Amino acid sequence: MNILLCISYEGTPYHGFQVQSAVPTVQETIEQALKNIYAKRIHITGAARTDSGVHAERSYVNFFVDETKIPPRKLAYVLNTILPSTVLVLYSKQVPDGFHA
């Protein structure tokens, strides 16, 4: 199952979007929240990378899971209870397997 997340974030505490060693990033923050939900590492693919401190009002990521007990449209709500206030999932939904952010 391919799931799309539309996200917004305040980038001040992050060293950009993409995972880097030993510094906090938006991607790492979302992937950790997904790990808490699915009990395994989930890799997200972002539509773009950003530099340190950059904010985003609407950015897109997608990821694949084999199955989920949480309906894709409800995942945004669940993630928002786990994520810090600097990252917000605006909506989530299932997309075709061929979709790539």
C-alpha atoms as a PDB file:
ATOM      1  CA  MET A   1       0.000   0.000   0.000  1.00  0.00           C
ATOM      2  CA  ASN A   2       1.385   3.388  -1.038  1.00  0.00           C
ATOM      3  CA  ILE A   3       0.461   6.259   1.282  1.00  0.00           C
ATOM      4  CA  LEU A   4       0.772   9.981   0.560  1.00  0.00           C
ATOM      5  CA  LEU A   5       1.234  12.550   3.312  1.00  0.00           C
ATOM      6  CA  CYS A   6       0.830  16.268   2.744  1.00  0.00           C
ATOM      7  CA  ILE A   7       2.969  17.962   5.380  1.00  0.00           C
ATOM      8  CA  SER A   8       3.745  21.405   6.696  1.00  0.00           C
ATOM      9  CA  TYR A   9       6.728  22.181   8.884  1.00  0.00           C
ATOM     10  CA  GLU A  10       8.527  24.959  10.685  1.00  0.00           C
ATOM     11  CA  GLY A  11      12.137  24.221   9.818  1.00  0.00           C
ATOM     12  CA  THR A  12      14.015  26.240  12.440  1.00  0.00           C
ATOM     13  CA  PRO A  13      15.008  23.224  14.595  1.00  0.00           C
ATOM     14  CA  TYR A  14      15.905  21.040  11.596  1.00  0.00           C
ATOM     15  CA  HIS A  15      18.983  20.726   9.422  1.00  0.00           C
ATOM     16  CA  GLY A  16      16.925  20.368   6.259  1.00  0.00           C
ATOM     17  CA  PHE A  17      14.535  17.702   5.074  1.00  0.00           C
ATOM     18  CA  GLN A  18      16.808  14.783   4.200  1.00  0.00           C
ATOM     19  CA  VAL A  19      18.261  12.478   6.856  1.00  0.00           C
ATOM     20  CA  GLN A  20      21.801  13.391   7.920  1.00  0.00           C
ATOM     21  CA  SER A  21      24.005  11.872  10.568  1.00  0.00           C
ATOM     22  CA  ALA A  22      23.867  13.303  14.090  1.00  0.00           C
ATOM     23  CA  VAL A  23      21.536  16.267  13.362  1.00  0.00           C
ATOM     24  CA  PRO A  24      17.725  16.470  13.454  1.00  0.00           C
ATOM     25  CA  THR A  25      15.880  16.517  10.115  1.00  0.00           C
ATOM     26  CA  VAL A  26      12.254  16.555   9.025  1.00  0.00           C
ATOM     27  CA  GLN A  27      12.548  13.167   7.292  1.00  0.00           C
ATOM     28  CA  GLU A  28      14.059  11.544  10.374  1.00  0.00           C
ATOM     29  CA  THR A  29      11.321  13.016  12.585  1.00  0.00           C
ATOM     30  CA  ILE A  30       8.519  11.644  10.396  1.00  0.00           C
ATOM     31  CA  GLU A  31      10.216   8.270   9.957  1.00  0.00           C
ATOM     32  CA  GLN A  32      10.586   7.928  13.740  1.00  0.00           C
ATOM     33  CA  ALA A  33       6.866   8.657  14.212  1.00  0.00           C
ATOM     34  CA  LEU A  34       6.018   6.029  11.576  1.00  0.00           C
ATOM     35  CA  LYS A  35       8.314   3.540  13.331  1.00  0.00           C
ATOM     36  CA  ASN A  36       6.326   4.124  16.523  1.00  0.00           C
ATOM     37  CA  ILE A  37       3.114   3.279  14.647  1.00  0.00           C
ATOM     38  CA  TYR A  38       4.258   0.347  12.500  1.00  0.00           C
ATOM     39  CA  ALA A  39       6.962  -1.081  14.825  1.00  0.00           C
ATOM     40  CA  LYS A  40       9.472  -1.165  11.982  1.00  0.00           C
ATOM     41  CA  ARG A  41      11.562   1.263   9.983  1.00  0.00           C
ATOM     42  CA  ILE A  42       9.587   3.025   7.257  1.00  0.00           C
ATOM     43  CA  HIS A  43      11.474   4.992   4.592  1.00  0.00           C
ATOM     44  CA  ILE A  44       9.670   8.045   3.225  1.00  0.00           C
ATOM     45  CA  THR A  45      10.348   9.650  -0.137  1.00  0.00           C
ATOM     46  CA  GLY A  46      10.030  13.427  -0.241  1.00  0.00           C
ATOM     47  CA  ALA A  47       9.062  15.606  -3.186  1.00  0.00           C
ATOM     48  CA  ALA A  48      11.993  17.936  -2.484  1.00  0.00           C
ATOM     49  CA  ARG A  49      14.887  18.577  -0.166  1.00  0.00           C
ATOM     50  CA  THR A  50      15.307  21.749   1.845  1.00  0.00           C
ATOM     51  CA  ASP A  51      18.207  23.467   3.522  1.00  0.00           C
ATOM     52  CA  SER A  52      18.654  24.019   7.225  1.00  0.00           C
ATOM     53  CA  GLY A  53      15.933  26.178   8.782  1.00  0.00           C
ATOM     54  CA  VAL A  54      13.646  26.211   5.738  1.00  0.00           C
ATOM     55  CA  HIS A  55       9.879  26.075   6.326  1.00  0.00           C
ATOM     56  CA  ALA A  56       7.245  24.386   4.156  1.00  0.00           C
ATOM     57  CA  GLU A  57       3.530  25.110   3.977  1.00  0.00           C
ATOM     58  CA  ARG A  58       2.708  22.189   1.713  1.00  0.00           C
ATOM     59  CA  SER A  59       5.144  19.428   0.897  1.00  0.00           C
ATOM     60  CA  TYR A  60       4.519  15.829  -0.087  1.00  0.00           C
ATOM     61  CA  VAL A  61       6.014  12.507   0.928  1.00  0.00           C
ATOM     62  CA  ASN A  62       5.016   8.942   0.242  1.00  0.00           C
ATOM     63  CA  PHE A  63       5.879   5.562   1.673  1.00  0.00           C
ATOM     64  CA  PHE A  64       4.911   1.918   1.335  1.00  0.00           C
ATOM     65  CA  VAL A  65       3.526  -0.431   3.989  1.00  0.00           C
ATOM     66  CA  ASP A  66       2.414  -4.020   3.585  1.00  0.00           C
ATOM     67  CA  GLU A  67      -0.718  -3.550   5.653  1.00  0.00           C
ATOM     68  CA  THR A  68      -2.079  -1.171   8.200  1.00  0.00           C
ATOM     69  CA  LYS A  69      -4.782  -1.296  10.832  1.00  0.00           C
ATOM     70  CA  ILE A  70      -5.102   2.474  10.543  1.00  0.00           C
ATOM     71  CA  PRO A  71      -7.093   3.593   7.490  1.00  0.00           C
ATOM     72  CA  PRO A  72      -4.841   5.782   5.304  1.00  0.00           C
ATOM     73  CA  ARG A  73      -7.163   8.803   5.660  1.00  0.00           C
ATOM     74  CA  LYS A  74      -6.933   8.589   9.475  1.00  0.00           C
ATOM     75  CA  LEU A  75      -3.144   8.320   9.551  1.00  0.00           C
ATOM     76  CA  ALA A  76      -2.709  12.121   9.541  1.00  0.00           C
ATOM     77  CA  TYR A  77      -4.625  12.366  12.810  1.00  0.00           C
ATOM     78  CA  VAL A  78      -2.564   9.596  14.432  1.00  0.00           C
ATOM     79  CA  LEU A  79       0.751  11.046  13.266  1.00  0.00           C
ATOM     80  CA  ASN A  80      -0.170  14.499  14.542  1.00  0.00           C
ATOM     81  CA  THR A  81      -0.569  13.061  18.045  1.00  0.00           C
ATOM     82  CA  ILE A  82       3.025  11.751  17.881  1.00  0.00           C
ATOM     83  CA  LEU A  83       4.902  14.404  15.889  1.00  0.00           C
ATOM     84  CA  PRO A  84       6.335  17.531  17.513  1.00  0.00           C
ATOM     85  CA  SER A  85       4.435  20.783  16.969  1.00  0.00           C
ATOM     86  CA  THR A  86       6.966  21.803  14.301  1.00  0.00           C
ATOM     87  CA  VAL A  87       5.668  19.142  11.885  1.00  0.00           C
ATOM     88  CA  LEU A  88       2.014  18.846  10.871  1.00  0.00           C
ATOM     89  CA  VAL A  89       0.397  16.293   8.554  1.00  0.00           C
ATOM     90  CA  LEU A  90      -2.335  18.174   6.685  1.00  0.00           C
ATOM     91  CA  TYR A  91      -3.838  15.023   5.176  1.00  0.00           C
ATOM     92  CA  SER A  92      -3.039  11.426   4.314  1.00  0.00           C
ATOM     93  CA  LYS A  93      -4.454   9.081   1.700  1.00  0.00           C
ATOM     94  CA  GLN A  94      -3.750   5.936  -0.266  1.00  0.00           C
ATOM     95  CA  VAL A  95      -2.363   6.528  -3.758  1.00  0.00           C
ATOM     96  CA  PRO A  96      -1.622   4.151  -6.670  1.00  0.00           C
ATOM     97  CA  ASP A  97       1.501   2.017  -6.268  1.00  0.00           C
ATOM     98  CA  GLY A  98       3.168   3.872  -9.162  1.00  0.00           C
ATOM     99  CA  PHE A  99       2.872   7.253  -7.437  1.00  0.00           C
ATOM    100  CA  HIS A 100       6.195   8.819  -6.423  1.00  0.00           C
ATOM    101  CA  ALA A 101       6.431  12.077  -4.507  1.00  0.00           C
END
